[in-house]
Amino acid sequence: MIGVHSIGEKRGNSLPNNSNEAMVCSFECTFCQKCVSTVLEDVCPNCRGTFKKRHIRHIKHLEKHPVNNIPYHKPVDKTALFRIRNGMKHIPKKDH
């Protein structure tokens, strides 16, 4: 699903294929860069993985492999996120 049009899971903001704001975890949960750095502190609330910038699908591949236009919005449970982050404080950030 890399490069698909998606919706940031926390705020429901649009993250189209060419967005430089889209971040994904190893399971490709998608969040905007602002939420990853300020709210999630680089820990995915779904899988506890860290984030990388989502790749942008090259335009020549869009015709054969079009983007998914079905939005997906899953607000973050702040209480659960707090428990996850607290449980990981003893782990160095690079090992999350």
PDB file of N, CA and C in Angstrom:
ATOM      1  N   MET A   1       0.798  -1.192   0.000  1.00  0.00           N
ATOM      2  CA  MET A   1       0.000   0.000   0.000  1.00  0.00           C
ATOM      3  C   MET A   1       0.846   1.264   0.000  1.00  0.00           C
ATOM      4  N   ILE A   2       2.122   1.163  -0.117  1.00  0.00           N
ATOM      5  CA  ILE A   2       2.951   2.360  -0.080  1.00  0.00           C
ATOM      6  C   ILE A   2       2.545   3.299  -1.210  1.00  0.00           C
ATOM      7  N   GLY A   3       2.395   4.541  -0.877  1.00  0.00           N
ATOM      8  CA  GLY A   3       2.077   5.552  -1.870  1.00  0.00           C
ATOM      9  C   GLY A   3       0.597   5.762  -2.114  1.00  0.00           C
ATOM     10  N   VAL A   4      -0.262   5.100  -1.369  1.00  0.00           N
ATOM     11  CA  VAL A   4      -1.686   5.258  -1.602  1.00  0.00           C
ATOM     12  C   VAL A   4      -2.187   6.579  -1.039  1.00  0.00           C
ATOM     13  N   HIS A   5      -3.348   6.988  -1.551  1.00  0.00           N
ATOM     14  CA  HIS A   5      -4.003   8.159  -0.961  1.00  0.00           C
ATOM     15  C   HIS A   5      -4.605   7.667   0.338  1.00  0.00           C
ATOM     16  N   SER A   6      -4.250   8.282   1.413  1.00  0.00           N
ATOM     17  CA  SER A   6      -4.785   7.830   2.685  1.00  0.00           C
ATOM     18  C   SER A   6      -5.144   9.013   3.553  1.00  0.00           C
ATOM     19  N   ILE A   7      -5.732   8.699   4.659  1.00  0.00           N
ATOM     20  CA  ILE A   7      -6.167   9.681   5.622  1.00  0.00           C
ATOM     21  C   ILE A   7      -5.333   9.475   6.878  1.00  0.00           C
ATOM     22  N   GLY A   8      -4.803  10.553   7.429  1.00  0.00           N
ATOM     23  CA  GLY A   8      -4.048  10.426   8.664  1.00  0.00           C
ATOM     24  C   GLY A   8      -4.940   9.847   9.748  1.00  0.00           C
ATOM     25  N   GLU A   9      -4.507   8.787  10.377  1.00  0.00           N
ATOM     26  CA  GLU A   9      -5.352   8.070  11.323  1.00  0.00           C
ATOM     27  C   GLU A   9      -5.770   8.909  12.526  1.00  0.00           C
ATOM     28  N   LYS A  10      -4.960   9.840  12.952  1.00  0.00           N
ATOM     29  CA  LYS A  10      -5.307  10.607  14.148  1.00  0.00           C
ATOM     30  C   LYS A  10      -6.272  11.740  13.838  1.00  0.00           C
ATOM     31  N   ARG A  11      -5.900  12.611  12.893  1.00  0.00           N
ATOM     32  CA  ARG A  11      -6.701  13.815  12.637  1.00  0.00           C
ATOM     33  C   ARG A  11      -7.632  13.674  11.455  1.00  0.00           C
ATOM     34  N   GLY A  12      -7.493  12.617  10.666  1.00  0.00           N
ATOM     35  CA  GLY A  12      -8.353  12.447   9.503  1.00  0.00           C
ATOM     36  C   GLY A  12      -7.999  13.370   8.353  1.00  0.00           C
ATOM     37  N   ASN A  13      -6.754  13.866   8.336  1.00  0.00           N
ATOM     38  CA  ASN A  13      -6.348  14.769   7.264  1.00  0.00           C
ATOM     39  C   ASN A  13      -5.920  13.981   6.027  1.00  0.00           C
ATOM     40  N   SER A  14      -6.104  14.583   4.863  1.00  0.00           N
ATOM     41  CA  SER A  14      -5.793  13.939   3.598  1.00  0.00           C
ATOM     42  C   SER A  14      -4.289  13.854   3.385  1.00  0.00           C
ATOM     43  N   LEU A  15      -3.817  12.665   2.992  1.00  0.00           N
ATOM     44  CA  LEU A  15      -2.399  12.445   2.703  1.00  0.00           C
ATOM     45  C   LEU A  15      -2.297  11.773   1.336  1.00  0.00           C
ATOM     46  N   PRO A  16      -2.445  12.551   0.241  1.00  0.00           N
ATOM     47  CA  PRO A  16      -2.413  11.970  -1.099  1.00  0.00           C
ATOM     48  C   PRO A  16      -1.040  11.407  -1.454  1.00  0.00           C
ATOM     49  N   ASN A  17      -0.984  10.715  -2.576  1.00  0.00           N
ATOM     50  CA  ASN A  17       0.228  10.047  -3.023  1.00  0.00           C
ATOM     51  C   ASN A  17       1.467  10.927  -2.982  1.00  0.00           C
ATOM     52  N   ASN A  18       1.337  12.184  -3.347  1.00  0.00           N
ATOM     53  CA  ASN A  18       2.512  13.063  -3.426  1.00  0.00           C
ATOM     54  C   ASN A  18       2.769  13.856  -2.145  1.00  0.00           C
ATOM     55  N   SER A  19       2.128  13.485  -1.053  1.00  0.00           N
ATOM     56  CA  SER A  19       2.303  14.210   0.204  1.00  0.00           C
ATOM     57  C   SER A  19       3.671  13.947   0.820  1.00  0.00           C
ATOM     58  N   ASN A  20       4.345  15.015   1.191  1.00  0.00           N
ATOM     59  CA  ASN A  20       5.613  14.893   1.905  1.00  0.00           C
ATOM     60  C   ASN A  20       5.396  14.782   3.411  1.00  0.00           C
ATOM     61  N   GLU A  21       4.147  14.833   3.848  1.00  0.00           N
ATOM     62  CA  GLU A  21       3.809  14.788   5.271  1.00  0.00           C
ATOM     63  C   GLU A  21       3.460  13.377   5.747  1.00  0.00           C
ATOM     64  N   ALA A  22       3.290  12.427   4.830  1.00  0.00           N
ATOM     65  CA  ALA A  22       2.841  11.084   5.203  1.00  0.00           C
ATOM     66  C   ALA A  22       3.967  10.260   5.809  1.00  0.00           C
ATOM     67  N   MET A  23       3.681   9.667   6.959  1.00  0.00           N
ATOM     68  CA  MET A  23       4.622   8.797   7.660  1.00  0.00           C
ATOM     69  C   MET A  23       3.952   7.443   7.840  1.00  0.00           C
ATOM     70  N   VAL A  24       4.725   6.351   7.734  1.00  0.00           N
ATOM     71  CA  VAL A  24       4.185   5.003   7.914  1.00  0.00           C
ATOM     72  C   VAL A  24       5.053   4.210   8.876  1.00  0.00           C
ATOM     73  N   CYS A  25       4.407   3.270   9.586  1.00  0.00           N
ATOM     74  CA  CYS A  25       5.152   2.345  10.440  1.00  0.00           C
ATOM     75  C   CYS A  25       5.412   1.079   9.624  1.00  0.00           C
ATOM     76  N   SER A  26       5.937   0.039  10.240  1.00  0.00           N
ATOM     77  CA  SER A  26       6.263  -1.186   9.503  1.00  0.00           C
ATOM     78  C   SER A  26       5.012  -1.897   8.978  1.00  0.00           C
ATOM     79  N   PHE A  27       3.845  -1.633   9.567  1.00  0.00           N
ATOM     80  CA  PHE A  27       2.594  -2.209   9.079  1.00  0.00           C
ATOM     81  C   PHE A  27       1.853  -1.227   8.178  1.00  0.00           C
ATOM     82  N   GLU A  28       2.501  -0.114   7.857  1.00  0.00           N
ATOM     83  CA  GLU A  28       1.988   0.931   6.991  1.00  0.00           C
ATOM     84  C   GLU A  28       0.773   1.658   7.548  1.00  0.00           C
ATOM     85  N   CYS A  29       0.675   1.711   8.873  1.00  0.00           N
ATOM     86  CA  CYS A  29      -0.296   2.615   9.492  1.00  0.00           C
ATOM     87  C   CYS A  29       0.180   4.012   9.102  1.00  0.00           C
ATOM     88  N   THR A  30      -0.714   4.878   8.709  1.00  0.00           N
ATOM     89  CA  THR A  30      -0.327   6.170   8.157  1.00  0.00           C
ATOM     90  C   THR A  30      -0.776   7.314   9.057  1.00  0.00           C
ATOM     91  N   PHE A  31       0.167   8.175   9.367  1.00  0.00           N
ATOM     92  CA  PHE A  31      -0.095   9.363  10.167  1.00  0.00           C
ATOM     93  C   PHE A  31       0.649  10.522   9.533  1.00  0.00           C
ATOM     94  N   CYS A  32       0.219  11.746   9.806  1.00  0.00           N
ATOM     95  CA  CYS A  32       0.937  12.902   9.286  1.00  0.00           C
ATOM     96  C   CYS A  32       2.187  13.135  10.139  1.00  0.00           C
ATOM     97  N   GLN A  33       3.145  13.809   9.551  1.00  0.00           N
ATOM     98  CA  GLN A  33       4.424  14.077  10.207  1.00  0.00           C
ATOM     99  C   GLN A  33       4.244  14.829  11.523  1.00  0.00           C
ATOM    100  N   LYS A  34       3.327  15.775  11.553  1.00  0.00           N
ATOM    101  CA  LYS A  34       3.104  16.566  12.763  1.00  0.00           C
ATOM    102  C   LYS A  34       2.634  15.682  13.917  1.00  0.00           C
ATOM    103  N   CYS A  35       1.674  14.793  13.670  1.00  0.00           N
ATOM    104  CA  CYS A  35       1.177  13.912  14.724  1.00  0.00           C
ATOM    105  C   CYS A  35       2.255  12.928  15.187  1.00  0.00           C
ATOM    106  N   VAL A  36       3.043  12.420  14.257  1.00  0.00           N
ATOM    107  CA  VAL A  36       4.108  11.474  14.612  1.00  0.00           C
ATOM    108  C   VAL A  36       5.107  12.127  15.562  1.00  0.00           C
ATOM    109  N   SER A  37       5.476  13.367  15.279  1.00  0.00           N
ATOM    110  CA  SER A  37       6.508  14.006  16.102  1.00  0.00           C
ATOM    111  C   SER A  37       5.963  14.627  17.383  1.00  0.00           C
ATOM    112  N   THR A  38       4.741  15.151  17.365  1.00  0.00           N
ATOM    113  CA  THR A  38       4.261  15.871  18.546  1.00  0.00           C
ATOM    114  C   THR A  38       3.378  15.047  19.468  1.00  0.00           C
ATOM    115  N   VAL A  39       2.538  14.203  18.928  1.00  0.00           N
ATOM    116  CA  VAL A  39       1.593  13.450  19.748  1.00  0.00           C
ATOM    117  C   VAL A  39       2.077  12.019  19.990  1.00  0.00           C
ATOM    118  N   LEU A  40       2.482  11.349  18.927  1.00  0.00           N
ATOM    119  CA  LEU A  40       2.842   9.935  19.028  1.00  0.00           C
ATOM    120  C   LEU A  40       4.277   9.703  19.478  1.00  0.00           C
ATOM    121  N   GLU A  41       5.100  10.729  19.388  1.00  0.00           N
ATOM    122  CA  GLU A  41       6.511  10.642  19.768  1.00  0.00           C
ATOM    123  C   GLU A  41       7.211   9.468  19.087  1.00  0.00           C
ATOM    124  N   ASP A  42       6.931   9.279  17.794  1.00  0.00           N
ATOM    125  CA  ASP A  42       7.552   8.267  16.941  1.00  0.00           C
ATOM    126  C   ASP A  42       7.246   6.826  17.375  1.00  0.00           C
ATOM    127  N   VAL A  43       6.110   6.601  18.031  1.00  0.00           N
ATOM    128  CA  VAL A  43       5.683   5.246  18.396  1.00  0.00           C
ATOM    129  C   VAL A  43       4.273   5.036  17.850  1.00  0.00           C
ATOM    130  N   CYS A  44       4.101   4.025  16.988  1.00  0.00           N
ATOM    131  CA  CYS A  44       2.789   3.745  16.412  1.00  0.00           C
ATOM    132  C   CYS A  44       1.862   3.209  17.503  1.00  0.00           C
ATOM    133  N   PRO A  45       0.675   3.800  17.663  1.00  0.00           N
ATOM    134  CA  PRO A  45      -0.250   3.329  18.693  1.00  0.00           C
ATOM    135  C   PRO A  45      -0.889   1.990  18.342  1.00  0.00           C
ATOM    136  N   ASN A  46      -0.749   1.559  17.096  1.00  0.00           N
ATOM    137  CA  ASN A  46      -1.343   0.293  16.666  1.00  0.00           C
ATOM    138  C   ASN A  46      -0.386  -0.890  16.838  1.00  0.00           C
ATOM    139  N   CYS A  47       0.884  -0.703  16.457  1.00  0.00           N
ATOM    140  CA  CYS A  47       1.826  -1.830  16.462  1.00  0.00           C
ATOM    141  C   CYS A  47       3.089  -1.577  17.280  1.00  0.00           C
ATOM    142  N   ARG A  48       3.235  -0.358  17.801  1.00  0.00           N
ATOM    143  CA  ARG A  48       4.382   0.058  18.606  1.00  0.00           C
ATOM    144  C   ARG A  48       5.666   0.208  17.797  1.00  0.00           C
ATOM    145  N   GLY A  49       5.557   0.187  16.484  1.00  0.00           N
ATOM    146  CA  GLY A  49       6.723   0.402  15.630  1.00  0.00           C
ATOM    147  C   GLY A  49       7.057   1.880  15.510  1.00  0.00           C
ATOM    148  N   THR A  50       8.201   2.164  14.906  1.00  0.00           N
ATOM    149  CA  THR A  50       8.589   3.541  14.646  1.00  0.00           C
ATOM    150  C   THR A  50       8.166   3.918  13.232  1.00  0.00           C
ATOM    151  N   PHE A  51       8.327   5.180  12.893  1.00  0.00           N
ATOM    152  CA  PHE A  51       7.852   5.681  11.612  1.00  0.00           C
ATOM    153  C   PHE A  51       8.991   6.069  10.668  1.00  0.00           C
ATOM    154  N   LYS A  52       8.696   5.979   9.388  1.00  0.00           N
ATOM    155  CA  LYS A  52       9.556   6.452   8.309  1.00  0.00           C
ATOM    156  C   LYS A  52       8.678   7.263   7.367  1.00  0.00           C
ATOM    157  N   LYS A  53       9.300   8.126   6.591  1.00  0.00           N
ATOM    158  CA  LYS A  53       8.568   8.871   5.571  1.00  0.00           C
ATOM    159  C   LYS A  53       8.008   7.891   4.545  1.00  0.00           C
ATOM    160  N   ARG A  54       6.742   8.071   4.172  1.00  0.00           N
ATOM    161  CA  ARG A  54       6.137   7.185   3.172  1.00  0.00           C
ATOM    162  C   ARG A  54       6.707   7.511   1.802  1.00  0.00           C
ATOM    163  N   HIS A  55       6.972   6.489   1.026  1.00  0.00           N
ATOM    164  CA  HIS A  55       7.468   6.679  -0.330  1.00  0.00           C
ATOM    165  C   HIS A  55       6.379   7.293  -1.201  1.00  0.00           C
ATOM    166  N   ILE A  56       6.788   8.046  -2.192  1.00  0.00           N
ATOM    167  CA  ILE A  56       5.852   8.609  -3.167  1.00  0.00           C
ATOM    168  C   ILE A  56       5.923   7.743  -4.412  1.00  0.00           C
ATOM    169  N   ARG A  57       4.776   7.218  -4.826  1.00  0.00           N
ATOM    170  CA  ARG A  57       4.725   6.359  -6.002  1.00  0.00           C
ATOM    171  C   ARG A  57       4.984   7.204  -7.247  1.00  0.00           C
ATOM    172  N   HIS A  58       5.925   6.771  -8.063  1.00  0.00           N
ATOM    173  CA  HIS A  58       6.282   7.494  -9.283  1.00  0.00           C
ATOM    174  C   HIS A  58       5.080   7.540 -10.221  1.00  0.00           C
ATOM    175  N   ILE A  59       4.924   8.662 -10.883  1.00  0.00           N
ATOM    176  CA  ILE A  59       3.762   8.888 -11.740  1.00  0.00           C
ATOM    177  C   ILE A  59       3.603   7.824 -12.832  1.00  0.00           C
ATOM    178  N   LYS A  60       4.702   7.259 -13.319  1.00  0.00           N
ATOM    179  CA  LYS A  60       4.604   6.246 -14.375  1.00  0.00           C
ATOM    180  C   LYS A  60       3.949   4.954 -13.875  1.00  0.00           C
ATOM    181  N   HIS A  61       3.928   4.745 -12.568  1.00  0.00           N
ATOM    182  CA  HIS A  61       3.314   3.544 -12.008  1.00  0.00           C
ATOM    183  C   HIS A  61       1.869   3.761 -11.569  1.00  0.00           C
ATOM    184  N   LEU A  62       1.440   5.008 -11.513  1.00  0.00           N
ATOM    185  CA  LEU A  62       0.090   5.303 -11.032  1.00  0.00           C
ATOM    186  C   LEU A  62      -1.012   4.757 -11.940  1.00  0.00           C
ATOM    187  N   GLU A  63      -0.773   4.702 -13.260  1.00  0.00           N
ATOM    188  CA  GLU A  63      -1.803   4.199 -14.166  1.00  0.00           C
ATOM    189  C   GLU A  63      -2.029   2.701 -13.944  1.00  0.00           C
ATOM    190  N   LYS A  64      -0.955   1.928 -13.836  1.00  0.00           N
ATOM    191  CA  LYS A  64      -1.071   0.485 -13.640  1.00  0.00           C
ATOM    192  C   LYS A  64      -1.432   0.144 -12.192  1.00  0.00           C
ATOM    193  N   HIS A  65      -0.942   0.944 -11.251  1.00  0.00           N
ATOM    194  CA  HIS A  65      -1.183   0.716  -9.826  1.00  0.00           C
ATOM    195  C   HIS A  65      -1.760   1.989  -9.209  1.00  0.00           C
ATOM    196  N   PRO A  66      -3.053   2.267  -9.480  1.00  0.00           N
ATOM    197  CA  PRO A  66      -3.643   3.519  -8.980  1.00  0.00           C
ATOM    198  C   PRO A  66      -3.711   3.538  -7.461  1.00  0.00           C
ATOM    199  N   VAL A  67      -3.812   4.740  -6.936  1.00  0.00           N
ATOM    200  CA  VAL A  67      -3.895   4.906  -5.491  1.00  0.00           C
ATOM    201  C   VAL A  67      -5.265   4.472  -4.990  1.00  0.00           C
ATOM    202  N   ASN A  68      -5.322   4.084  -3.737  1.00  0.00           N
ATOM    203  CA  ASN A  68      -6.565   3.718  -3.086  1.00  0.00           C
ATOM    204  C   ASN A  68      -7.233   5.006  -2.622  1.00  0.00           C
ATOM    205  N   ASN A  69      -8.448   5.247  -3.045  1.00  0.00           N
ATOM    206  CA  ASN A  69      -9.146   6.471  -2.674  1.00  0.00           C
ATOM    207  C   ASN A  69     -10.174   6.262  -1.574  1.00  0.00           C
ATOM    208  N   ILE A  70     -10.100   5.120  -0.895  1.00  0.00           N
ATOM    209  CA  ILE A  70     -11.028   4.864   0.207  1.00  0.00           C
ATOM    210  C   ILE A  70     -10.389   5.371   1.492  1.00  0.00           C
ATOM    211  N   PRO A  71     -10.955   6.420   2.090  1.00  0.00           N
ATOM    212  CA  PRO A  71     -10.357   6.970   3.312  1.00  0.00           C
ATOM    213  C   PRO A  71     -10.503   6.022   4.497  1.00  0.00           C
ATOM    214  N   TYR A  72      -9.525   6.069   5.370  1.00  0.00           N
ATOM    215  CA  TYR A  72      -9.538   5.275   6.596  1.00  0.00           C
ATOM    216  C   TYR A  72      -9.148   6.198   7.735  1.00  0.00           C
ATOM    217  N   HIS A  73     -10.025   6.340   8.683  1.00  0.00           N
ATOM    218  CA  HIS A  73      -9.751   7.219   9.818  1.00  0.00           C
ATOM    219  C   HIS A  73      -9.984   6.449  11.101  1.00  0.00           C
ATOM    220  N   LYS A  74      -8.957   6.364  11.922  1.00  0.00           N
ATOM    221  CA  LYS A  74      -9.036   5.666  13.202  1.00  0.00           C
ATOM    222  C   LYS A  74      -8.417   6.572  14.250  1.00  0.00           C
ATOM    223  N   PRO A  75      -9.226   7.319  14.979  1.00  0.00           N
ATOM    224  CA  PRO A  75      -8.673   8.227  15.988  1.00  0.00           C
ATOM    225  C   PRO A  75      -7.824   7.479  17.022  1.00  0.00           C
ATOM    226  N   VAL A  76      -6.806   8.144  17.516  1.00  0.00           N
ATOM    227  CA  VAL A  76      -5.901   7.555  18.498  1.00  0.00           C
ATOM    228  C   VAL A  76      -6.528   7.609  19.887  1.00  0.00           C
ATOM    229  N   ASP A  77      -6.484   6.492  20.580  1.00  0.00           N
ATOM    230  CA  ASP A  77      -6.937   6.415  21.966  1.00  0.00           C
ATOM    231  C   ASP A  77      -5.792   6.937  22.832  1.00  0.00           C
ATOM    232  N   LYS A  78      -5.938   8.143  23.350  1.00  0.00           N
ATOM    233  CA  LYS A  78      -4.844   8.792  24.086  1.00  0.00           C
ATOM    234  C   LYS A  78      -4.464   8.040  25.362  1.00  0.00           C
ATOM    235  N   THR A  79      -5.418   7.419  26.027  1.00  0.00           N
ATOM    236  CA  THR A  79      -5.116   6.650  27.236  1.00  0.00           C
ATOM    237  C   THR A  79      -4.255   5.436  26.894  1.00  0.00           C
ATOM    238  N   ALA A  80      -4.622   4.726  25.838  1.00  0.00           N
ATOM    239  CA  ALA A  80      -3.840   3.556  25.410  1.00  0.00           C
ATOM    240  C   ALA A  80      -2.451   3.980  24.949  1.00  0.00           C
ATOM    241  N   LEU A  81      -2.370   5.082  24.232  1.00  0.00           N
ATOM    242  CA  LEU A  81      -1.076   5.581  23.768  1.00  0.00           C
ATOM    243  C   LEU A  81      -0.174   5.921  24.952  1.00  0.00           C
ATOM    244  N   PHE A  82      -0.716   6.536  25.971  1.00  0.00           N
ATOM    245  CA  PHE A  82       0.051   6.864  27.170  1.00  0.00           C
ATOM    246  C   PHE A  82       0.607   5.593  27.816  1.00  0.00           C
ATOM    247  N   ARG A  83      -0.217   4.540  27.925  1.00  0.00           N
ATOM    248  CA  ARG A  83       0.239   3.268  28.501  1.00  0.00           C
ATOM    249  C   ARG A  83       1.352   2.653  27.656  1.00  0.00           C
ATOM    250  N   ILE A  84       1.209   2.700  26.342  1.00  0.00           N
ATOM    251  CA  ILE A  84       2.231   2.141  25.446  1.00  0.00           C
ATOM    252  C   ILE A  84       3.545   2.870  25.647  1.00  0.00           C
ATOM    253  N   ARG A  85       3.503   4.204  25.598  1.00  0.00           N
ATOM    254  CA  ARG A  85       4.740   4.989  25.733  1.00  0.00           C
ATOM    255  C   ARG A  85       5.389   4.788  27.085  1.00  0.00           C
ATOM    256  N   ASN A  86       4.597   4.730  28.156  1.00  0.00           N
ATOM    257  CA  ASN A  86       5.158   4.504  29.484  1.00  0.00           C
ATOM    258  C   ASN A  86       5.814   3.137  29.589  1.00  0.00           C
ATOM    259  N   GLY A  87       5.228   2.140  28.944  1.00  0.00           N
ATOM    260  CA  GLY A  87       5.785   0.797  28.973  1.00  0.00           C
ATOM    261  C   GLY A  87       7.066   0.657  28.168  1.00  0.00           C
ATOM    262  N   MET A  88       7.369   1.646  27.329  1.00  0.00           N
ATOM    263  CA  MET A  88       8.547   1.575  26.463  1.00  0.00           C
ATOM    264  C   MET A  88       9.655   2.526  26.897  1.00  0.00           C
ATOM    265  N   LYS A  89       9.469   3.238  27.983  1.00  0.00           N
ATOM    266  CA  LYS A  89      10.457   4.241  28.395  1.00  0.00           C
ATOM    267  C   LYS A  89      11.829   3.649  28.683  1.00  0.00           C
ATOM    268  N   HIS A  90      11.882   2.409  29.117  1.00  0.00           N
ATOM    269  CA  HIS A  90      13.157   1.783  29.432  1.00  0.00           C
ATOM    270  C   HIS A  90      13.895   1.292  28.185  1.00  0.00           C
ATOM    271  N   ILE A  91      13.228   1.291  27.041  1.00  0.00           N
ATOM    272  CA  ILE A  91      13.837   0.828  25.786  1.00  0.00           C
ATOM    273  C   ILE A  91      14.403   2.020  25.041  1.00  0.00           C
ATOM    274  N   PRO A  92      15.692   1.968  24.639  1.00  0.00           N
ATOM    275  CA  PRO A  92      16.231   3.076  23.842  1.00  0.00           C
ATOM    276  C   PRO A  92      15.397   3.289  22.591  1.00  0.00           C
ATOM    277  N   LYS A  93      15.180   4.542  22.209  1.00  0.00           N
ATOM    278  CA  LYS A  93      14.293   4.883  21.097  1.00  0.00           C
ATOM    279  C   LYS A  93      14.624   4.125  19.826  1.00  0.00           C
ATOM    280  N   LYS A  94      15.893   3.941  19.518  1.00  0.00           N
ATOM    281  CA  LYS A  94      16.275   3.247  18.273  1.00  0.00           C
ATOM    282  C   LYS A  94      15.851   1.794  18.268  1.00  0.00           C
ATOM    283  N   ASP A  95      15.506   1.191  19.435  1.00  0.00           N
ATOM    284  CA  ASP A  95      15.122  -0.208  19.531  1.00  0.00           C
ATOM    285  C   ASP A  95      13.623  -0.425  19.598  1.00  0.00           C
ATOM    286  N   HIS A  96      12.816   0.623  19.512  1.00  0.00           N
ATOM    287  CA  HIS A  96      11.343   0.467  19.569  1.00  0.00           C
ATOM    288  C   HIS A  96      10.859  -0.375  18.426  1.00  0.00           C
TER     289      HIS A  96
END
